[in-house]
């Protein structure tokens, strides 16, 4: 299925969860990561049960310092 991740279209497996996606990107254990699907934030506790659907838009955001 086709999914957009941070604006980049990718092919993903049917039934893939946010937890599986974050684990693949080695972001599962990182603190301060926020994930939104279709512009709605998904709390980390729901990542294991939140299955991605075709054409979802996933935004992964991490904090950064700036000035």
C-alpha atoms as a PDB file:
ATOM      1  CA  UNK A   1       0.000   0.000   0.000  1.00  0.00           C
ATOM      2  CA  UNK A   2       1.094   3.550  -0.601  1.00  0.00           C
ATOM      3  CA  UNK A   3       1.763   5.816   2.421  1.00  0.00           C
ATOM      4  CA  UNK A   4       3.392   9.234   2.705  1.00  0.00           C
ATOM      5  CA  UNK A   5       6.051   9.527   5.399  1.00  0.00           C
ATOM      6  CA  UNK A   6       7.289  13.059   6.005  1.00  0.00           C
ATOM      7  CA  UNK A   7       6.152  13.971   2.504  1.00  0.00           C
ATOM      8  CA  UNK A   8       7.830  11.019   0.769  1.00  0.00           C
ATOM      9  CA  UNK A   9       5.655   8.342  -0.822  1.00  0.00           C
ATOM     10  CA  UNK A  10       6.619   4.813   0.209  1.00  0.00           C
ATOM     11  CA  UNK A  11       5.266   1.320  -0.328  1.00  0.00           C
ATOM     12  CA  UNK A  12       4.433  -0.337   2.999  1.00  0.00           C
ATOM     13  CA  UNK A  13       2.956  -3.687   4.002  1.00  0.00           C
ATOM     14  CA  UNK A  14      -0.773  -4.031   4.668  1.00  0.00           C
ATOM     15  CA  UNK A  15      -1.475  -4.118   8.399  1.00  0.00           C
ATOM     16  CA  UNK A  16       1.741  -2.346   9.399  1.00  0.00           C
ATOM     17  CA  UNK A  17       1.387  -0.442  12.660  1.00  0.00           C
ATOM     18  CA  UNK A  18       3.026   2.788  13.752  1.00  0.00           C
ATOM     19  CA  UNK A  19       5.067   0.760  16.237  1.00  0.00           C
ATOM     20  CA  UNK A  20       6.460  -1.400  13.412  1.00  0.00           C
ATOM     21  CA  UNK A  21       7.265   1.691  11.340  1.00  0.00           C
ATOM     22  CA  UNK A  22       9.004   3.461  14.222  1.00  0.00           C
ATOM     23  CA  UNK A  23      10.973   0.314  15.057  1.00  0.00           C
ATOM     24  CA  UNK A  24      12.173   0.067  11.456  1.00  0.00           C
ATOM     25  CA  UNK A  25      13.438   3.658  11.613  1.00  0.00           C
ATOM     26  CA  UNK A  26      15.104   2.957  15.012  1.00  0.00           C
ATOM     27  CA  UNK A  27      12.889   5.585  16.646  1.00  0.00           C
ATOM     28  CA  UNK A  28      10.849   3.351  18.926  1.00  0.00           C
ATOM     29  CA  UNK A  29      12.967   3.962  22.046  1.00  0.00           C
ATOM     30  CA  UNK A  30      13.803   7.617  21.367  1.00  0.00           C
ATOM     31  CA  UNK A  31      12.241  10.186  23.670  1.00  0.00           C
ATOM     32  CA  UNK A  32      10.436  13.261  22.435  1.00  0.00           C
ATOM     33  CA  UNK A  33       9.256  11.845  19.114  1.00  0.00           C
ATOM     34  CA  UNK A  34       5.765  12.868  17.991  1.00  0.00           C
ATOM     35  CA  UNK A  35       3.809  11.151  15.235  1.00  0.00           C
ATOM     36  CA  UNK A  36       0.762  12.475  13.421  1.00  0.00           C
ATOM     37  CA  UNK A  37      -1.328  10.506  10.947  1.00  0.00           C
ATOM     38  CA  UNK A  38      -3.459  12.608   8.626  1.00  0.00           C
ATOM     39  CA  UNK A  39      -2.718  15.685  10.788  1.00  0.00           C
ATOM     40  CA  UNK A  40      -3.864  14.033  14.035  1.00  0.00           C
ATOM     41  CA  UNK A  41      -1.300  13.261  16.742  1.00  0.00           C
ATOM     42  CA  UNK A  42      -1.229   9.602  17.748  1.00  0.00           C
ATOM     43  CA  UNK A  43      -0.070   9.094  21.365  1.00  0.00           C
ATOM     44  CA  UNK A  44       2.828   6.680  21.792  1.00  0.00           C
ATOM     45  CA  UNK A  45       0.674   4.267  23.797  1.00  0.00           C
ATOM     46  CA  UNK A  46      -1.499   3.788  20.688  1.00  0.00           C
ATOM     47  CA  UNK A  47       1.367   3.098  18.259  1.00  0.00           C
ATOM     48  CA  UNK A  48       1.147  -0.713  18.720  1.00  0.00           C
ATOM     49  CA  UNK A  49      -2.529  -0.780  17.750  1.00  0.00           C
ATOM     50  CA  UNK A  50      -2.646   2.014  15.161  1.00  0.00           C
ATOM     51  CA  UNK A  51      -2.618   0.246  11.787  1.00  0.00           C
ATOM     52  CA  UNK A  52      -1.652   2.318   8.777  1.00  0.00           C
ATOM     53  CA  UNK A  53      -4.072   2.528   5.865  1.00  0.00           C
ATOM     54  CA  UNK A  54      -3.449   3.172   2.187  1.00  0.00           C
ATOM     55  CA  UNK A  55      -2.754   6.833   1.431  1.00  0.00           C
ATOM     56  CA  UNK A  56      -2.208   7.804   5.083  1.00  0.00           C
ATOM     57  CA  UNK A  57       0.078  10.799   5.578  1.00  0.00           C
ATOM     58  CA  UNK A  58       2.488  10.162   8.457  1.00  0.00           C
ATOM     59  CA  UNK A  59       4.532  12.999   9.940  1.00  0.00           C
ATOM     60  CA  UNK A  60       7.366  12.096  12.323  1.00  0.00           C
ATOM     61  CA  UNK A  61       8.721  15.036  14.303  1.00  0.00           C
ATOM     62  CA  UNK A  62      11.599  15.204  16.738  1.00  0.00           C
ATOM     63  CA  UNK A  63      12.680  18.192  18.819  1.00  0.00           C
ATOM     64  CA  UNK A  64      15.669  20.252  17.745  1.00  0.00           C
ATOM     65  CA  UNK A  65      17.521  23.245  19.118  1.00  0.00           C
ATOM     66  CA  UNK A  66      17.503  26.513  17.347  1.00  0.00           C
ATOM     67  CA  UNK A  67      17.667  30.158  17.965  1.00  0.00           C
END
